[in-house]
Amino acid sequence: EQAEDEDDEAYMARIMGFKDFRTTKNTQVPGNDKNYAVFKAKKSEYRQYMNRVGGFNRPL
C-alpha cells in the first residue's frame, strides 16, 4: 500500500523492487555478454563512382 508521504515514482520503484530508475545506455551490464552476439563496428569501404579513369558510366 502506498504511504501518504510517498510519491508515485518512489512507490513504483518500491513495489517493482528497483533501487532507482537509471539507464544502462553505454554501460557494461554484468551477464549481458551471454545473452547477445558481439557487436563489432566495422569500417565502411566506399567506392568511387565519379572522376574515375574511363568515366563513371561503366561497371565497378
C-alpha atoms as a PDB file:
ATOM      1  CA  GLU A   1       0.000   0.000   0.000  1.00  0.00           C
ATOM      2  CA  GLN A   2       1.232   3.475  -0.864  1.00  0.00           C
ATOM      3  CA  ALA A   3       2.175   5.706   2.063  1.00  0.00           C
ATOM      4  CA  GLU A   4       0.706   9.197   2.164  1.00  0.00           C
ATOM      5  CA  ASP A   5       4.089  10.955   2.016  1.00  0.00           C
ATOM      6  CA  GLU A   6       5.423   8.675  -0.774  1.00  0.00           C
ATOM      7  CA  ASP A   7       5.297   9.950  -4.355  1.00  0.00           C
ATOM      8  CA  ASP A   8       4.202   7.786  -7.281  1.00  0.00           C
ATOM      9  CA  GLU A   9       7.712   7.260  -8.660  1.00  0.00           C
ATOM     10  CA  ALA A  10       9.095   6.071  -5.310  1.00  0.00           C
ATOM     11  CA  TYR A  11       6.062   3.818  -4.856  1.00  0.00           C
ATOM     12  CA  MET A  12       6.557   2.201  -8.276  1.00  0.00           C
ATOM     13  CA  ALA A  13      10.255   1.685  -7.579  1.00  0.00           C
ATOM     14  CA  ARG A  14       9.487   0.061  -4.235  1.00  0.00           C
ATOM     15  CA  ILE A  15       6.806  -2.352  -5.460  1.00  0.00           C
ATOM     16  CA  MET A  16       8.839  -3.354  -8.524  1.00  0.00           C
ATOM     17  CA  GLY A  17      11.971  -3.935  -6.449  1.00  0.00           C
ATOM     18  CA  PHE A  18      14.135  -1.264  -8.047  1.00  0.00           C
ATOM     19  CA  LYS A  19      16.657   0.696  -6.055  1.00  0.00           C
ATOM     20  CA  ASP A  20      16.444   3.586  -8.507  1.00  0.00           C
ATOM     21  CA  PHE A  21      15.457   4.354 -12.076  1.00  0.00           C
ATOM     22  CA  ARG A  22      18.555   4.753 -14.233  1.00  0.00           C
ATOM     23  CA  THR A  23      19.640   3.998 -17.770  1.00  0.00           C
ATOM     24  CA  THR A  24      22.108   1.355 -18.913  1.00  0.00           C
ATOM     25  CA  LYS A  25      22.964   3.145 -22.150  1.00  0.00           C
ATOM     26  CA  ASN A  26      26.711   2.917 -22.911  1.00  0.00           C
ATOM     27  CA  THR A  27      27.362   0.946 -19.716  1.00  0.00           C
ATOM     28  CA  GLN A  28      28.632  -2.572 -19.118  1.00  0.00           C
ATOM     29  CA  VAL A  29      25.884  -4.792 -17.703  1.00  0.00           C
ATOM     30  CA  PRO A  30      27.038  -7.945 -15.853  1.00  0.00           C
ATOM     31  CA  GLY A  31      25.977 -11.122 -17.659  1.00  0.00           C
ATOM     32  CA  ASN A  32      24.830  -9.319 -20.792  1.00  0.00           C
ATOM     33  CA  ASP A  33      27.661 -10.825 -22.858  1.00  0.00           C
ATOM     34  CA  LYS A  34      25.973 -14.246 -22.614  1.00  0.00           C
ATOM     35  CA  ASN A  35      22.633 -13.016 -23.988  1.00  0.00           C
ATOM     36  CA  TYR A  36      23.542 -11.340 -27.246  1.00  0.00           C
ATOM     37  CA  ALA A  37      26.039 -11.601 -30.072  1.00  0.00           C
ATOM     38  CA  VAL A  38      29.158  -9.491 -30.089  1.00  0.00           C
ATOM     39  CA  PHE A  39      28.773  -6.210 -31.947  1.00  0.00           C
ATOM     40  CA  LYS A  40      31.897  -5.083 -33.733  1.00  0.00           C
ATOM     41  CA  ALA A  41      31.800  -1.812 -35.594  1.00  0.00           C
ATOM     42  CA  LYS A  42      33.422  -2.424 -38.959  1.00  0.00           C
ATOM     43  CA  LYS A  43      34.949   0.238 -41.115  1.00  0.00           C
ATOM     44  CA  SER A  44      32.946   1.142 -44.213  1.00  0.00           C
ATOM     45  CA  GLU A  45      34.658   0.812 -47.546  1.00  0.00           C
ATOM     46  CA  TYR A  46      33.446   3.389 -50.023  1.00  0.00           C
ATOM     47  CA  ARG A  47      33.703   3.021 -53.797  1.00  0.00           C
ATOM     48  CA  GLN A  48      34.425   5.879 -56.133  1.00  0.00           C
ATOM     49  CA  TYR A  49      31.736   6.474 -58.735  1.00  0.00           C
ATOM     50  CA  MET A  50      32.731   9.840 -60.173  1.00  0.00           C
ATOM     51  CA  ASN A  51      36.069  11.071 -61.569  1.00  0.00           C
ATOM     52  CA  ARG A  52      37.294   7.579 -62.391  1.00  0.00           C
ATOM     53  CA  VAL A  53      39.565   6.539 -65.213  1.00  0.00           C
ATOM     54  CA  GLY A  54      37.258   5.503 -68.037  1.00  0.00           C
ATOM     55  CA  GLY A  55      34.299   7.580 -66.842  1.00  0.00           C
ATOM     56  CA  PHE A  56      31.507   6.960 -64.363  1.00  0.00           C
ATOM     57  CA  ASN A  57      29.085   5.064 -66.636  1.00  0.00           C
ATOM     58  CA  ARG A  58      30.742   1.660 -66.500  1.00  0.00           C
ATOM     59  CA  PRO A  59      30.613  -1.363 -64.186  1.00  0.00           C
ATOM     60  CA  LEU A  60      32.518  -1.141 -60.929  1.00  0.00           C
END
